Amino acid sequence: MKNFCILFLSACFIFGAQAQFALSGTYDTYAALSKKGISSLPFMVSHAKIGTYDINLLEIELAYTQNHFKLQFSPAIGSYMQNNYATETPYRRFIYESYLQYKKGKTELAYGTFSSPYTQETPRGVDQLNATRSLAAEYVPYYVSGLRWTQQWKPNFKSQFFITNGWQRLVFSGQRPSLGLLFQWEFKKWKWNWSHFYGDVAPIGKLTPELGLNRWRFFQELNMAYQLQRWTLQSCVYGGAQKRNGDNNLFLWGQANLQAAYALHPKLNLVGRAELIYDPKQVVFAYDTGAFGSLSVGWQYGITANLQVAQEFRYFKGKQTNIPVCYSFLRLKF
């Protein structure tokens, strides 16, 4: 953290008065209630606490641009950061994003830590269709670290290529890097994203012969958004395959969801979601070996352009799980 701050301030001094500095951020708070008598949702990272008022994410985005260069630094706090970055080194547990980017024409090259390129959802809840994150977004990498190449091939088509430390890892493991690829198409009413991951998910340190052979994960994800008058529809499906722990069998998992919003008023949306995740070998989802999902309905109201309140009722259902949860949200974007 200290070295990065020194680099950031030095860059500001060197580039001088012609550079552009931007400051923005999000503030996501909520309160959740459930009759199940539980204090948290063990299968969620975002919005997991029950029976208390919680700051899910308070994030500050600092961007500094000069000519072809951009320096992005986004520190953050909240239960999302505490739960998700707990295994990282202490000085990185409060960094949501940090990267240096070079852009020329239709090409961008960047190095650092990036928010997830998988699924259409991010932890910035105020920008999402539903107030809570879907199971899809909770069970892909929340962030990746490494190199990113972005290319705008046509006005409606671009790609991103990643060389990263792994599925979700900031510290270099000393193993071979992982590869990621994203294609994005945009039309008048449609937006499509097709994401790929192939890489190393072995733990840091010396590997056993079994882990050395069976540590590779294959993953693909497809999501879309469709806009028609007052309706907004989103859907995401993905599937993964992996060998692990010396087992010759290929373990499979996947999920699908459908989200919708209807604008009753320019400031008021009715929203809903249906989703299902199935991971019988518990590769990424360890809570249930059977099909697990949720149904949710709610509303979102924009008090101002930057201030939003929302409520959502969500019912989680699994083989041995029935958890109704009622959420209330207060969110600020600045």
Protein backbone atom coordinates (compact mmCIF):
# COMPACT_ATOMS: atom_id res chain seq x y z
CA MET A 1 0.00 0.00 0.00
CA LYS A 2 2.76 2.45 0.98
CA ASN A 3 4.74 1.86 -2.23
CA PHE A 4 1.64 2.22 -4.39
CA CYS A 5 0.70 5.54 -2.72
CA ILE A 6 4.22 6.85 -3.34
CA LEU A 7 3.96 5.79 -7.00
CA PHE A 8 0.56 7.48 -7.33
CA LEU A 9 1.73 10.79 -5.82
CA SER A 10 4.93 10.76 -7.87
CA ALA A 11 2.98 10.26 -11.07
CA CYS A 12 0.70 13.17 -10.16
CA PHE A 13 3.73 15.43 -9.65
CA ILE A 14 5.48 14.37 -12.85
CA PHE A 15 2.52 14.64 -15.19
CA GLY A 16 1.71 18.18 -14.05
CA ALA A 17 -1.23 20.46 -14.53
CA GLN A 18 -2.39 19.05 -17.87
CA ALA A 19 -3.44 15.75 -16.31
CA GLN A 20 -7.05 14.97 -15.38
CA PHE A 21 -8.01 13.77 -11.94
CA ALA A 22 -11.39 12.13 -11.22
CA LEU A 23 -12.97 11.15 -7.91
CA SER A 24 -16.08 8.98 -7.54
CA GLY A 25 -17.39 6.16 -5.41
CA THR A 26 -20.26 4.08 -4.05
CA TYR A 27 -21.80 3.55 -0.62
CA ASP A 28 -23.89 0.40 -0.18
CA THR A 29 -25.66 -0.28 3.14
CA TYR A 30 -28.46 -2.65 4.06
CA ALA A 31 -30.43 -4.31 6.85
CA ALA A 32 -31.70 -7.90 6.52
CA LEU A 33 -34.26 -9.84 8.55
CA SER A 34 -35.17 -13.54 8.58
CA LYS A 35 -37.45 -15.68 10.74
CA LYS A 36 -34.90 -18.51 10.66
CA GLY A 37 -33.02 -17.11 13.63
CA ILE A 38 -29.66 -17.05 11.83
CA SER A 39 -27.03 -14.29 11.94
CA SER A 40 -25.58 -14.76 8.46
CA LEU A 41 -25.94 -16.57 5.14
CA PRO A 42 -22.97 -19.00 4.95
CA PHE A 43 -23.18 -19.34 1.16
CA MET A 44 -23.01 -15.59 0.40
CA VAL A 45 -20.27 -12.95 0.60
CA SER A 46 -22.28 -9.85 -0.31
CA HIS A 47 -25.26 -8.90 1.88
CA ALA A 48 -24.75 -11.94 4.10
CA LYS A 49 -25.43 -10.53 7.57
CA ILE A 50 -28.86 -11.01 9.15
CA GLY A 51 -30.46 -8.99 11.95
CA THR A 52 -28.14 -5.99 11.77
CA TYR A 53 -27.39 -2.84 9.81
CA ASP A 54 -24.28 -3.40 7.71
CA ILE A 55 -22.02 -1.50 5.32
CA ASN A 56 -21.55 -3.91 2.45
CA LEU A 57 -19.19 -1.70 0.44
CA LEU A 58 -17.79 1.81 0.74
CA GLU A 59 -15.51 2.38 -2.22
CA ILE A 60 -13.56 5.42 -3.41
CA GLU A 61 -12.38 5.53 -7.04
CA LEU A 62 -9.36 7.69 -7.79
CA ALA A 63 -8.42 8.01 -11.46
CA TYR A 64 -5.51 10.01 -12.84
CA THR A 65 -5.06 10.35 -16.62
CA GLN A 66 -2.37 12.01 -18.70
CA ASN A 67 -2.06 11.62 -22.46
CA HIS A 68 -2.20 7.86 -23.08
CA PHE A 69 -1.83 6.79 -19.43
CA LYS A 70 -4.37 6.17 -16.70
CA LEU A 71 -3.69 5.32 -13.06
CA GLN A 72 -6.67 3.80 -11.22
CA PHE A 73 -6.65 3.27 -7.45
CA SER A 74 -9.82 2.22 -5.59
CA PRO A 75 -9.57 1.57 -1.85
CA ALA A 76 -12.64 0.13 -0.12
CA ILE A 77 -13.97 -1.10 3.21
CA GLY A 78 -17.06 -3.04 4.29
CA SER A 79 -18.16 -6.60 4.92
CA TYR A 80 -17.68 -7.46 1.23
CA MET A 81 -13.98 -6.61 1.50
CA GLN A 82 -13.58 -8.30 4.89
CA ASN A 83 -15.15 -11.56 3.72
CA ASN A 84 -13.61 -11.71 0.28
CA TYR A 85 -10.04 -10.48 0.84
CA ALA A 86 -9.38 -12.16 4.20
CA THR A 87 -6.76 -14.55 2.78
CA GLU A 88 -4.80 -11.84 0.96
CA THR A 89 -1.78 -10.06 2.44
CA PRO A 90 -2.85 -7.32 4.90
CA TYR A 91 -1.86 -4.32 2.76
CA ARG A 92 -4.02 -5.59 -0.13
CA ARG A 93 -7.19 -6.34 1.83
CA PHE A 94 -8.51 -2.81 1.25
CA ILE A 95 -7.75 -2.48 -2.48
CA TYR A 96 -10.78 -3.03 -4.69
CA GLU A 97 -8.92 -2.10 -7.87
CA SER A 98 -5.44 -0.76 -8.67
CA TYR A 99 -3.90 -0.69 -12.13
CA LEU A 100 -1.84 1.31 -14.60
CA GLN A 101 -3.24 1.50 -18.13
CA TYR A 102 -1.86 2.64 -21.47
CA LYS A 103 -4.33 3.49 -24.25
CA LYS A 104 -3.64 4.36 -27.86
CA GLY A 105 -6.36 4.38 -30.47
CA LYS A 106 -8.56 1.32 -30.00
CA THR A 107 -6.03 -0.60 -27.90
CA GLU A 108 -5.63 -0.61 -24.11
CA LEU A 109 -2.94 -2.40 -22.09
CA ALA A 110 -3.16 -2.52 -18.30
CA TYR A 111 -1.38 -4.18 -15.38
CA GLY A 112 -2.67 -4.57 -11.83
CA THR A 113 -5.77 -5.78 -10.01
CA PHE A 114 -9.14 -5.66 -11.80
CA SER A 115 -12.72 -6.29 -10.77
CA SER A 116 -14.17 -9.51 -12.15
CA PRO A 117 -14.71 -9.84 -15.93
CA TYR A 118 -17.21 -12.67 -15.26
CA THR A 119 -21.02 -12.20 -15.18
CA GLN A 120 -22.72 -8.83 -15.74
CA GLU A 121 -22.82 -8.02 -12.00
CA THR A 122 -20.26 -6.16 -9.90
CA PRO A 123 -20.09 -5.38 -6.17
CA ARG A 124 -21.26 -1.84 -6.98
CA GLY A 125 -24.87 -2.62 -6.12
CA VAL A 126 -26.32 0.75 -7.10
CA ASP A 127 -25.55 -0.05 -10.76
CA GLN A 128 -27.14 -3.52 -10.75
CA LEU A 129 -30.58 -4.62 -11.88
CA ASN A 130 -31.38 -6.33 -8.54
CA ALA A 131 -30.37 -5.03 -5.14
CA THR A 132 -28.58 -8.24 -4.08
CA ARG A 133 -26.00 -10.18 -6.08
CA SER A 134 -26.98 -13.44 -7.73
CA LEU A 135 -25.38 -16.77 -6.90
CA ALA A 136 -23.71 -16.57 -10.31
CA ALA A 137 -21.72 -13.48 -9.33
CA GLU A 138 -20.92 -14.93 -5.89
CA TYR A 139 -19.26 -18.04 -7.38
CA VAL A 140 -16.89 -16.63 -9.96
CA PRO A 141 -13.68 -14.67 -9.19
CA TYR A 142 -14.49 -11.34 -7.56
CA TYR A 143 -11.20 -9.98 -8.86
CA VAL A 144 -8.23 -11.00 -11.00
CA SER A 145 -4.63 -9.80 -10.95
CA GLY A 146 -2.21 -9.58 -13.85
CA LEU A 147 -2.21 -8.23 -17.41
CA ARG A 148 -5.22 -7.09 -19.46
CA TRP A 149 -5.38 -6.30 -23.17
CA THR A 150 -8.55 -4.58 -24.41
CA GLN A 151 -9.22 -4.17 -28.13
CA GLN A 152 -12.13 -2.32 -29.76
CA TRP A 153 -12.37 -4.18 -33.07
CA LYS A 154 -15.60 -2.53 -34.27
CA PRO A 155 -17.96 0.07 -32.75
CA ASN A 156 -20.17 -2.77 -31.46
CA PHE A 157 -17.54 -5.45 -30.76
CA LYS A 158 -14.57 -5.60 -28.40
CA SER A 159 -12.45 -8.21 -26.63
CA GLN A 160 -10.38 -8.47 -23.46
CA PHE A 161 -7.54 -10.92 -22.91
CA PHE A 162 -6.17 -11.64 -19.41
CA ILE A 163 -2.99 -13.28 -18.13
CA THR A 164 -3.55 -13.63 -14.38
CA ASN A 165 -2.31 -15.27 -11.18
CA GLY A 166 -5.24 -17.66 -11.04
CA TRP A 167 -8.95 -17.99 -10.39
CA GLN A 168 -8.81 -15.43 -7.58
CA ARG A 169 -5.38 -14.67 -6.20
CA LEU A 170 -3.38 -11.47 -5.80
CA VAL A 171 -0.08 -12.99 -4.67
CA PHE A 172 2.01 -14.77 -7.31
CA SER A 173 1.93 -18.52 -6.67
CA GLY A 174 5.03 -19.38 -8.67
CA GLN A 175 2.92 -21.64 -10.89
CA ARG A 176 1.98 -21.19 -14.53
CA PRO A 177 -0.37 -18.24 -15.22
CA SER A 178 -4.07 -18.53 -15.99
CA LEU A 179 -5.74 -17.24 -19.14
CA GLY A 180 -9.01 -15.35 -19.49
CA LEU A 181 -10.86 -14.07 -22.53
CA LEU A 182 -13.96 -11.89 -22.92
CA PHE A 183 -15.92 -11.05 -26.08
CA GLN A 184 -18.56 -8.32 -25.99
CA TRP A 185 -21.17 -7.49 -28.63
CA GLU A 186 -23.56 -4.53 -28.41
CA PHE A 187 -26.61 -3.91 -30.60
CA LYS A 188 -29.53 -1.50 -30.36
CA LYS A 189 -31.40 -3.52 -27.72
CA TRP A 190 -28.96 -6.33 -26.95
CA LYS A 191 -25.69 -6.71 -25.10
CA TRP A 192 -23.83 -10.05 -25.09
CA ASN A 193 -20.75 -11.11 -23.11
CA TRP A 194 -18.94 -14.42 -23.55
CA SER A 195 -16.20 -15.13 -20.99
CA HIS A 196 -13.59 -17.90 -20.72
CA PHE A 197 -11.16 -19.14 -18.08
CA TYR A 198 -8.43 -21.74 -18.35
CA GLY A 199 -5.93 -21.94 -15.60
CA ASP A 200 -4.26 -22.99 -12.43
CA VAL A 201 -6.25 -23.13 -9.19
CA ALA A 202 -3.67 -24.99 -7.09
CA PRO A 203 -2.77 -23.54 -3.67
CA ILE A 204 0.39 -21.51 -3.15
CA GLY A 205 3.46 -23.56 -2.25
CA LYS A 206 5.04 -26.85 -3.26
CA LEU A 207 2.58 -29.16 -5.01
CA THR A 208 2.08 -32.87 -4.54
CA PRO A 209 2.33 -34.98 -7.72
CA GLU A 210 -1.48 -35.31 -7.75
CA LEU A 211 -2.11 -31.59 -7.54
CA GLY A 212 0.58 -31.00 -10.11
CA LEU A 213 -1.42 -33.02 -12.63
CA ASN A 214 -5.01 -32.17 -11.72
CA ARG A 215 -5.15 -28.50 -10.84
CA TRP A 216 -6.59 -27.06 -14.06
CA ARG A 217 -10.02 -25.49 -14.31
CA PHE A 218 -12.02 -24.91 -17.52
CA PHE A 219 -14.83 -22.38 -17.34
CA GLN A 220 -17.14 -20.54 -19.74
CA GLU A 221 -19.86 -18.00 -19.04
CA LEU A 222 -22.42 -16.28 -21.27
CA ASN A 223 -24.61 -13.37 -20.21
CA MET A 224 -26.98 -11.05 -22.05
CA ALA A 225 -29.05 -7.94 -21.47
CA TYR A 226 -32.12 -6.86 -23.47
CA GLN A 227 -33.93 -3.52 -23.34
CA LEU A 228 -37.51 -3.12 -24.62
CA GLN A 229 -39.42 0.03 -23.70
CA ARG A 230 -39.98 -0.21 -19.92
CA TRP A 231 -38.59 -3.73 -19.62
CA THR A 232 -34.99 -4.71 -18.94
CA LEU A 233 -34.07 -8.40 -19.03
CA GLN A 234 -30.78 -10.03 -18.04
CA SER A 235 -29.68 -13.64 -18.03
CA CYS A 236 -26.47 -15.49 -17.21
CA VAL A 237 -25.47 -19.13 -17.67
CA TYR A 238 -22.12 -20.74 -17.01
CA GLY A 239 -20.44 -24.11 -16.70
CA GLY A 240 -17.13 -25.36 -15.38
CA ALA A 241 -15.05 -28.54 -15.40
CA GLN A 242 -12.08 -29.55 -13.29
CA LYS A 243 -9.93 -32.50 -12.23
CA ARG A 244 -8.55 -32.28 -8.71
CA ASN A 245 -6.84 -34.17 -5.86
CA GLY A 246 -5.45 -36.81 -8.15
CA ASP A 247 -8.90 -37.97 -9.28
CA ASN A 248 -9.15 -38.95 -12.94
CA ASN A 249 -12.84 -38.00 -13.09
CA LEU A 250 -13.89 -34.65 -14.46
CA PHE A 251 -16.01 -32.66 -11.98
CA LEU A 252 -18.75 -30.49 -13.53
CA TRP A 253 -20.86 -27.63 -12.20
CA GLY A 254 -23.05 -24.86 -13.58
CA GLN A 255 -25.79 -22.28 -13.00
CA ALA A 256 -28.46 -20.26 -14.78
CA ASN A 257 -30.49 -17.19 -13.83
CA LEU A 258 -33.00 -14.76 -15.27
CA GLN A 259 -33.48 -11.20 -13.98
CA ALA A 260 -36.08 -8.62 -14.98
CA ALA A 261 -36.96 -5.02 -14.19
CA TYR A 262 -40.04 -2.99 -15.12
CA ALA A 263 -40.01 0.82 -14.91
CA LEU A 264 -43.26 1.99 -13.35
CA HIS A 265 -41.80 5.48 -13.27
CA PRO A 266 -38.43 6.97 -14.34
CA LYS A 267 -37.39 6.74 -10.67
CA LEU A 268 -39.19 3.52 -9.64
CA ASN A 269 -38.41 -0.02 -10.84
CA LEU A 270 -39.99 -3.35 -9.95
CA VAL A 271 -37.38 -6.12 -10.08
CA GLY A 272 -37.22 -9.90 -9.81
CA ARG A 273 -34.90 -12.87 -10.26
CA ALA A 274 -34.99 -16.67 -10.53
CA GLU A 275 -31.77 -18.67 -10.30
CA LEU A 276 -30.36 -22.17 -9.86
CA ILE A 277 -26.84 -23.47 -9.20
CA TYR A 278 -25.86 -27.14 -9.32
CA ASP A 279 -22.48 -28.38 -8.08
CA PRO A 280 -22.81 -32.04 -6.98
CA LYS A 281 -19.06 -32.46 -6.31
CA GLN A 282 -18.80 -29.12 -4.46
CA VAL A 283 -16.05 -27.72 -6.65
CA VAL A 284 -16.98 -24.08 -5.98
CA PHE A 285 -20.29 -24.30 -4.08
CA ALA A 286 -19.82 -26.29 -0.88
CA TYR A 287 -23.15 -25.59 0.83
CA ASP A 288 -25.38 -28.14 -0.94
CA THR A 289 -24.75 -31.18 -3.16
CA GLY A 290 -28.16 -30.87 -4.80
CA ALA A 291 -29.74 -28.11 -6.84
CA PHE A 292 -29.77 -24.82 -4.91
CA GLY A 293 -31.40 -21.55 -5.90
CA SER A 294 -33.47 -18.54 -4.97
CA LEU A 295 -36.46 -16.46 -6.03
CA SER A 296 -36.59 -12.73 -5.33
CA VAL A 297 -38.89 -9.75 -5.91
CA GLY A 298 -38.46 -6.13 -4.94
CA TRP A 299 -38.43 -2.46 -5.86
CA GLN A 300 -35.84 0.30 -6.26
CA TYR A 301 -36.50 4.03 -6.01
CA GLY A 302 -34.11 6.82 -6.94
CA ILE A 303 -34.60 9.71 -4.50
CA THR A 304 -32.06 11.70 -6.51
CA ALA A 305 -29.76 10.87 -9.40
CA ASN A 306 -27.20 9.61 -6.86
CA LEU A 307 -29.27 8.37 -3.89
CA GLN A 308 -31.30 5.16 -3.99
CA VAL A 309 -33.48 3.18 -1.59
CA ALA A 310 -34.66 -0.38 -2.26
CA GLN A 311 -36.30 -3.42 -0.74
CA GLU A 312 -36.05 -7.04 -1.77
CA PHE A 313 -37.61 -10.26 -0.55
CA ARG A 314 -35.46 -13.28 -1.37
CA TYR A 315 -36.24 -16.94 -0.71
CA PHE A 316 -33.32 -19.41 -0.77
CA LYS A 317 -34.24 -23.03 -1.42
CA GLY A 318 -32.10 -26.17 -1.38
CA LYS A 319 -32.38 -29.83 -0.56
CA GLN A 320 -32.28 -29.10 3.17
CA THR A 321 -32.55 -25.31 3.13
CA ASN A 322 -35.50 -22.90 3.29
CA ILE A 323 -34.41 -19.36 4.16
CA PRO A 324 -36.64 -16.32 3.56
CA VAL A 325 -34.83 -12.98 3.86
CA CYS A 326 -36.20 -9.44 3.66
CA TYR A 327 -33.66 -6.73 2.71
CA SER A 328 -33.80 -2.93 2.95
CA PHE A 329 -31.13 -0.85 1.19
CA LEU A 330 -29.74 2.66 1.23
CA ARG A 331 -27.23 3.41 -1.53
CA LEU A 332 -25.25 6.41 -2.69
CA LYS A 333 -23.28 6.94 -5.86
CA PHE A 334 -21.07 10.00 -6.11
